[in-house]
Amino acid sequence: MTESEKNKAKEILVIQIKQIGDCILTEPVFRALKEKWPDCRTSFVVSSAFAALFQNNPYIDEVISYNFKKPAAELLRRRKRHYDIAIDFLGNPRSRALTLFARAPLKLGFTKKGSFLFYTKTAPASSGPEYVSDTKFRLLAPLGIVSLPQPIKIYISEEEKKLFVDYGKDNGGAAFVAISPTSRRPARRWTKEHFAKLADILIRRHGVMPVFVWGPGEEDYVKSVMGMMKEKALLAPPTKLRELAALLNNCALLVSNDNGVRHLAAAVGTPTLVITGPTFRECWTPKEKQHRAVQSDVKCIACSKRECESMICMKQLMQEEVASEAADMLAKYSGRK
């Protein structure tokens, strides 16, 4: 693809089929592409489980739902579009296949073993801890886009925002603090006891109402945490992802494990306080001041383990420390959305 052709790019395909956090952190890419080429048409290939999150986004012209049970070739063949640029932010066998089937003259991907077989241009990923959205923008450098990403954003409608206006209205007008005590990876879970004690502290000292949020298969786990509390908290109703985003939009703060909910909250402008252990907090914490991450000072921090027998990083981080951070954030950012 020549420089002249690159400057006239009309059809751009962006691929990030999983996970929810990675997909949300790809959102600023579309704003950058539209700033570079205001008249371009952008398409986003994303897991069907998360596709609804990107509805109403003025910078994404087409959301293509990816079904992992169907061949990648079939997905793009049906559209019969001629893409000028394909950008693969994942780099696994499925996303690489999608990149090839796009048949774009310019195919971008991160530098990995064998990447030259799939991409016409590659860029190195970060060599150290770096906010993931920043890392994604490295892949835009061959397009002449050198800016840093803007904050992530999910565009929920005014009607969706109204869904939870009356939720918990009999709680005396207390501000909501969402709590997400779950994670797909056991090593990322702060203890149930710590979460329960934290929720009690927030009620007693700060007069807020904790709302425990959950997803499919997590209700019993969340209820077991709530069962350890001395005070009364709210259990969120069953929600789809966009409904959960609307609920988080009505909260003053989210306290969470390192999971997908943290990115959902940040994308609707809700301050986040995240408990981290096996991950680098720099990689997943937005740079805006209203987003923080806390972790223990132990040698094995950021070990990247999915499971851990000792869980020392989670056990040593006490509820008082997290409560102190939460109190400071409530004082500084509550009501500023």
Protein backbone atom coordinates (compact mmCIF):
# COMPACT_ATOMS: atom_id res chain seq x y z
CA MET A 1 0.00 0.00 0.00
CA THR A 2 1.55 3.28 -1.11
CA GLU A 3 1.59 6.45 0.98
CA SER A 4 -0.93 7.95 -1.44
CA GLU A 5 -3.27 4.98 -0.99
CA LYS A 6 -2.77 5.07 2.77
CA ASN A 7 -3.81 8.72 2.85
CA LYS A 8 -7.04 7.82 1.06
CA ALA A 9 -8.01 4.86 3.26
CA LYS A 10 -11.77 4.35 3.15
CA GLU A 11 -12.44 0.95 4.73
CA ILE A 12 -10.70 -0.02 7.96
CA LEU A 13 -11.20 -3.32 9.80
CA VAL A 14 -10.21 -3.55 13.48
CA ILE A 15 -9.95 -6.98 15.12
CA GLN A 16 -10.07 -7.64 18.88
CA ILE A 17 -12.29 -10.63 19.49
CA LYS A 18 -11.58 -11.08 23.23
CA GLN A 19 -11.48 -10.43 26.26
CA ILE A 20 -13.94 -7.82 27.49
CA GLY A 21 -11.26 -5.55 28.97
CA ASP A 22 -9.09 -5.71 25.85
CA CYS A 23 -12.11 -4.97 23.68
CA ILE A 24 -13.12 -1.92 25.70
CA LEU A 25 -9.52 -0.67 25.72
CA THR A 26 -9.55 -0.79 21.92
CA GLU A 27 -12.34 1.81 21.74
CA PRO A 28 -10.04 4.91 21.63
CA VAL A 29 -8.50 3.52 18.44
CA PHE A 30 -11.65 4.35 16.50
CA ARG A 31 -11.60 7.98 17.56
CA ALA A 32 -7.98 8.22 16.41
CA LEU A 33 -8.83 6.63 13.05
CA LYS A 34 -11.71 9.04 12.48
CA GLU A 35 -9.52 12.00 13.36
CA LYS A 36 -6.98 10.82 10.79
CA TRP A 37 -9.56 9.96 8.12
CA PRO A 38 -12.91 11.65 8.93
CA ASP A 39 -14.62 10.01 5.95
CA CYS A 40 -13.35 6.48 6.51
CA ARG A 41 -15.66 3.59 7.36
CA THR A 42 -14.64 1.62 10.45
CA SER A 43 -15.65 -1.95 11.24
CA PHE A 44 -14.97 -3.73 14.53
CA VAL A 45 -14.77 -7.53 14.77
CA VAL A 46 -15.52 -8.42 18.38
CA SER A 47 -16.91 -11.41 20.26
CA SER A 48 -20.68 -11.64 20.04
CA ALA A 49 -20.68 -11.68 23.87
CA PHE A 50 -19.43 -8.08 23.95
CA ALA A 51 -20.67 -6.65 20.65
CA ALA A 52 -23.62 -4.78 22.20
CA LEU A 53 -21.23 -2.62 24.23
CA PHE A 54 -20.13 -0.82 21.08
CA GLN A 55 -23.57 0.14 19.85
CA ASN A 56 -24.23 3.89 19.57
CA ASN A 57 -20.51 4.63 19.24
CA PRO A 58 -20.24 7.50 16.73
CA TYR A 59 -16.74 6.41 15.70
CA ILE A 60 -17.63 2.78 14.88
CA ASP A 61 -19.65 2.38 11.69
CA GLU A 62 -20.14 -1.38 11.89
CA VAL A 63 -19.89 -3.88 14.72
CA ILE A 64 -19.26 -7.40 13.42
CA SER A 65 -20.20 -10.06 15.97
CA TYR A 66 -17.71 -12.90 16.02
CA ASN A 67 -19.04 -16.37 16.84
CA PHE A 68 -16.24 -18.68 17.95
CA LYS A 69 -18.19 -21.71 16.69
CA LYS A 70 -18.18 -20.52 13.07
CA PRO A 71 -15.31 -20.31 10.56
CA ALA A 72 -13.54 -16.97 10.40
CA ALA A 73 -13.63 -16.91 6.60
CA GLU A 74 -17.42 -17.10 6.51
CA LEU A 75 -17.76 -14.00 8.70
CA LEU A 76 -16.00 -11.66 6.27
CA ARG A 77 -16.94 -13.42 3.03
CA ARG A 78 -20.63 -12.63 3.58
CA ARG A 79 -19.89 -8.91 3.76
CA LYS A 80 -18.02 -8.73 0.46
CA ARG A 81 -16.32 -5.52 1.50
CA HIS A 82 -12.94 -4.35 0.22
CA TYR A 83 -10.87 -3.26 3.21
CA ASP A 84 -7.93 -0.92 2.77
CA ILE A 85 -6.46 -1.56 6.22
CA ALA A 86 -6.85 -4.45 8.67
CA ILE A 87 -5.54 -4.05 12.23
CA ASP A 88 -5.19 -7.13 14.45
CA PHE A 89 -4.72 -6.26 18.11
CA LEU A 90 -4.91 -9.85 19.37
CA GLY A 91 -2.53 -11.89 17.25
CA ASN A 92 -3.88 -15.36 17.94
CA PRO A 93 -4.68 -17.96 15.23
CA ARG A 94 -8.31 -16.86 14.88
CA SER A 95 -7.57 -13.15 14.63
CA ARG A 96 -4.70 -13.79 12.22
CA ALA A 97 -7.05 -15.77 10.00
CA LEU A 98 -9.54 -12.91 10.05
CA THR A 99 -6.74 -10.52 9.07
CA LEU A 100 -5.84 -12.65 6.05
CA PHE A 101 -9.45 -13.07 4.97
CA ALA A 102 -9.90 -9.28 5.05
CA ARG A 103 -7.54 -9.16 2.02
CA ALA A 104 -6.48 -5.63 2.84
CA PRO A 105 -3.33 -4.24 1.16
CA LEU A 106 -2.12 -3.05 4.57
CA LYS A 107 -2.32 -5.53 7.44
CA LEU A 108 -1.01 -4.51 10.87
CA GLY A 109 -0.14 -6.71 13.84
CA PHE A 110 2.25 -6.90 16.75
CA THR A 111 5.70 -8.37 16.22
CA LYS A 112 5.59 -12.04 17.21
CA LYS A 113 7.06 -15.27 15.93
CA GLY A 114 5.77 -15.83 12.41
CA SER A 115 3.98 -12.48 12.24
CA PHE A 116 5.52 -11.70 8.82
CA LEU A 117 3.27 -14.41 7.36
CA PHE A 118 0.11 -12.54 8.29
CA TYR A 119 0.94 -8.82 8.35
CA THR A 120 2.53 -6.37 5.95
CA LYS A 121 3.59 -4.10 8.83
CA THR A 122 4.34 -4.96 12.44
CA ALA A 123 5.09 -2.98 15.58
CA PRO A 124 6.71 -4.13 18.82
CA ALA A 125 4.56 -4.48 21.90
CA SER A 126 5.71 -2.87 25.12
CA SER A 127 8.84 -4.35 26.71
CA GLY A 128 7.63 -3.44 30.21
CA PRO A 129 4.52 -2.49 32.18
CA GLU A 130 2.46 -0.08 30.08
CA TYR A 131 -1.21 0.85 29.97
CA VAL A 132 -2.75 -1.55 27.46
CA SER A 133 -4.52 1.17 25.52
CA ASP A 134 -1.14 2.90 25.02
CA THR A 135 0.30 -0.38 23.75
CA LYS A 136 -2.48 -0.66 21.20
CA PHE A 137 -1.62 2.78 19.85
CA ARG A 138 1.89 1.54 19.02
CA LEU A 139 0.24 -0.42 16.25
CA LEU A 140 -1.13 2.78 14.73
CA ALA A 141 2.31 4.34 14.25
CA PRO A 142 2.72 2.92 10.70
CA LEU A 143 -0.44 4.88 9.85
CA GLY A 144 1.10 8.13 11.02
CA ILE A 145 -0.97 8.20 14.21
CA VAL A 146 1.35 9.03 17.08
CA SER A 147 -1.06 10.51 19.62
CA LEU A 148 -1.82 8.87 22.96
CA PRO A 149 -5.29 7.39 23.45
CA GLN A 150 -8.15 9.37 24.87
CA PRO A 151 -10.13 7.91 27.81
CA ILE A 152 -12.17 4.80 27.03
CA LYS A 153 -15.87 5.35 26.51
CA ILE A 154 -19.08 3.35 26.15
CA TYR A 155 -22.03 5.31 24.80
CA ILE A 156 -25.12 4.44 26.82
CA SER A 157 -28.32 6.18 25.81
CA GLU A 158 -30.42 8.52 27.92
CA GLU A 159 -33.08 5.83 28.10
CA GLU A 160 -30.54 3.34 29.42
CA LYS A 161 -29.34 5.82 32.01
CA LYS A 162 -32.91 6.08 33.32
CA LEU A 163 -33.15 2.32 33.94
CA PHE A 164 -31.70 2.61 37.44
CA VAL A 165 -32.74 6.13 38.42
CA ASP A 166 -35.24 4.73 40.93
CA TYR A 167 -33.13 1.72 41.90
CA GLY A 168 -32.74 1.45 45.68
CA LYS A 169 -34.62 4.73 46.19
CA ASP A 170 -35.72 3.57 49.65
CA ASN A 171 -32.12 3.60 50.94
CA GLY A 172 -32.42 7.13 52.28
CA GLY A 173 -30.62 8.80 49.41
CA ALA A 174 -27.22 7.25 50.15
CA ALA A 175 -24.70 7.23 47.32
CA PHE A 176 -24.15 3.87 45.65
CA VAL A 177 -20.74 2.18 45.72
CA ALA A 178 -20.61 -0.79 43.35
CA ILE A 179 -18.60 -3.78 44.54
CA SER A 180 -17.42 -6.54 42.20
CA PRO A 181 -15.78 -9.33 44.26
CA THR A 182 -15.42 -11.83 41.41
CA SER A 183 -12.87 -12.68 38.74
CA ARG A 184 -12.48 -15.50 36.23
CA ARG A 185 -9.00 -16.13 37.60
CA PRO A 186 -8.88 -17.29 41.25
CA ALA A 187 -5.52 -15.60 41.87
CA ARG A 188 -7.11 -12.20 41.20
CA ARG A 189 -9.75 -12.55 43.90
CA TRP A 190 -9.42 -10.58 47.11
CA THR A 191 -10.79 -12.67 49.97
CA LYS A 192 -14.52 -12.83 50.62
CA GLU A 193 -13.95 -11.81 54.23
CA HIS A 194 -12.06 -8.68 53.22
CA PHE A 195 -14.79 -7.61 50.82
CA ALA A 196 -17.49 -8.16 53.45
CA LYS A 197 -15.60 -6.15 56.07
CA LEU A 198 -14.88 -3.39 53.56
CA ALA A 199 -18.57 -3.08 52.70
CA ASP A 200 -19.45 -2.82 56.40
CA ILE A 201 -16.85 -0.07 56.88
CA LEU A 202 -18.18 1.92 53.93
CA ILE A 203 -21.70 1.80 55.34
CA ARG A 204 -20.78 2.65 58.93
CA ARG A 205 -18.20 5.35 58.32
CA HIS A 206 -19.29 6.94 55.08
CA GLY A 207 -23.03 6.35 54.86
CA VAL A 208 -22.94 4.87 51.37
CA MET A 209 -24.91 1.90 50.07
CA PRO A 210 -22.83 -0.94 48.58
CA VAL A 211 -24.33 -2.59 45.51
CA PHE A 212 -22.83 -5.99 44.74
CA VAL A 213 -22.73 -6.58 40.98
CA TRP A 214 -22.41 -9.96 39.32
CA GLY A 215 -22.57 -11.78 36.01
CA PRO A 216 -23.63 -15.23 34.80
CA GLY A 217 -22.62 -17.96 37.26
CA GLU A 218 -21.46 -15.48 39.93
CA GLU A 219 -24.63 -14.87 41.95
CA ASP A 220 -24.00 -17.55 44.60
CA TYR A 221 -20.41 -16.39 45.11
CA VAL A 222 -21.54 -12.79 45.59
CA LYS A 223 -24.33 -13.81 47.94
CA SER A 224 -21.80 -15.72 50.06
CA VAL A 225 -19.77 -12.51 50.44
CA MET A 226 -22.86 -10.56 51.43
CA GLY A 227 -23.73 -13.28 53.93
CA MET A 228 -20.54 -12.45 55.86
CA MET A 229 -21.56 -8.81 56.36
CA LYS A 230 -22.96 -7.31 59.55
CA GLU A 231 -24.78 -4.52 57.70
CA LYS A 232 -27.31 -4.65 54.88
CA ALA A 233 -26.22 -4.12 51.28
CA LEU A 234 -27.95 -4.39 47.92
CA LEU A 235 -27.62 -7.24 45.44
CA ALA A 236 -27.80 -5.94 41.87
CA PRO A 237 -30.52 -7.47 39.70
CA PRO A 238 -29.58 -9.71 36.76
CA THR A 239 -28.26 -7.46 34.00
CA LYS A 240 -26.96 -7.62 30.48
CA LEU A 241 -23.69 -5.79 29.85
CA ARG A 242 -25.25 -2.52 28.71
CA GLU A 243 -27.65 -2.60 31.66
CA LEU A 244 -24.72 -3.18 34.00
CA ALA A 245 -22.99 -0.18 32.42
CA ALA A 246 -26.11 1.89 33.12
CA LEU A 247 -26.12 0.74 36.75
CA LEU A 248 -22.44 1.58 37.15
CA ASN A 249 -23.14 4.99 35.65
CA ASN A 250 -25.35 5.70 38.68
CA CYS A 251 -22.63 4.77 41.19
CA ALA A 252 -20.20 7.12 42.92
CA LEU A 253 -17.41 4.53 42.91
CA LEU A 254 -16.59 0.95 41.95
CA VAL A 255 -14.42 -1.21 44.20
CA SER A 256 -13.40 -4.29 42.30
CA ASN A 257 -11.01 -7.12 41.68
CA ASP A 258 -8.99 -6.90 38.48
CA ASN A 259 -11.79 -7.97 36.13
CA GLY A 260 -13.88 -6.79 33.20
CA VAL A 261 -16.27 -4.76 35.35
CA ARG A 262 -13.51 -2.25 36.15
CA HIS A 263 -13.19 -1.33 32.47
CA LEU A 264 -16.95 -1.12 32.07
CA ALA A 265 -17.16 1.32 34.98
CA ALA A 266 -14.28 3.45 33.70
CA ALA A 267 -15.89 3.58 30.26
CA VAL A 268 -19.02 5.26 31.69
CA GLY A 269 -16.99 7.69 33.78
CA THR A 270 -17.37 6.04 37.19
CA PRO A 271 -14.25 6.25 39.42
CA THR A 272 -12.63 2.87 40.04
CA LEU A 273 -10.59 1.43 42.90
CA VAL A 274 -9.13 -1.93 41.94
CA ILE A 275 -7.44 -4.57 44.07
CA THR A 276 -4.57 -6.07 42.11
CA GLY A 277 -2.15 -8.88 42.82
CA PRO A 278 -0.83 -11.11 40.03
CA THR A 279 -1.05 -8.36 37.39
CA PHE A 280 0.92 -5.16 36.81
CA ARG A 281 -1.41 -2.40 37.92
CA GLU A 282 0.19 -0.04 35.39
CA CYS A 283 -1.08 -2.20 32.53
CA TRP A 284 -4.78 -2.03 33.30
CA THR A 285 -5.35 1.18 35.27
CA PRO A 286 -6.54 4.23 33.29
CA LYS A 287 -4.32 7.28 33.68
CA GLU A 288 -7.05 9.64 34.86
CA LYS A 289 -6.78 10.52 38.55
CA GLN A 290 -10.19 9.08 39.39
CA HIS A 291 -8.90 5.57 38.73
CA ARG A 292 -6.60 3.87 41.23
CA ALA A 293 -5.22 0.42 41.97
CA VAL A 294 -3.95 -0.91 45.30
CA GLN A 295 -1.74 -3.91 45.91
CA SER A 296 0.42 -5.50 48.58
CA ASP A 297 4.14 -4.88 48.85
CA VAL A 298 5.31 -8.47 48.39
CA LYS A 299 8.18 -9.83 46.30
CA CYS A 300 5.99 -12.02 44.12
CA ILE A 301 3.61 -9.24 43.06
CA ALA A 302 2.59 -9.27 39.37
CA CYS A 303 3.46 -12.97 39.05
CA SER A 304 0.83 -13.47 36.30
CA LYS A 305 -0.43 -16.68 37.92
CA ARG A 306 -4.00 -17.78 37.29
CA GLU A 307 -4.11 -19.75 40.52
CA CYS A 308 -1.99 -19.51 43.67
CA GLU A 309 -1.84 -21.68 46.78
CA SER A 310 -0.65 -18.98 49.17
CA MET A 311 -2.55 -15.93 47.79
CA ILE A 312 -0.24 -13.87 50.00
CA CYS A 313 -0.68 -10.69 47.94
CA MET A 314 -4.43 -10.78 48.46
CA LYS A 315 -4.43 -11.89 52.09
CA GLN A 316 -1.96 -9.21 53.19
CA LEU A 317 -3.91 -6.35 51.66
CA MET A 318 -6.28 -5.41 54.46
CA GLN A 319 -9.71 -3.84 54.26
CA GLU A 320 -8.60 -0.76 56.24
CA GLU A 321 -6.12 0.22 53.53
CA VAL A 322 -8.70 -0.19 50.78
CA ALA A 323 -11.33 1.66 52.83
CA SER A 324 -8.94 4.58 53.29
CA GLU A 325 -8.42 4.87 49.53
CA ALA A 326 -12.15 4.56 48.92
CA ALA A 327 -12.90 7.32 51.43
CA ASP A 328 -10.41 9.65 49.77
CA MET A 329 -11.87 8.95 46.34
CA LEU A 330 -15.45 9.48 47.52
CA ALA A 331 -14.44 12.83 48.99
CA LYS A 332 -12.67 13.95 45.81
CA TYR A 333 -14.74 12.53 42.98
CA SER A 334 -18.27 11.81 44.20
CA GLY A 335 -20.79 13.93 42.30
CA ARG A 336 -18.30 15.13 39.66
CA LYS A 337 -19.48 12.96 36.78
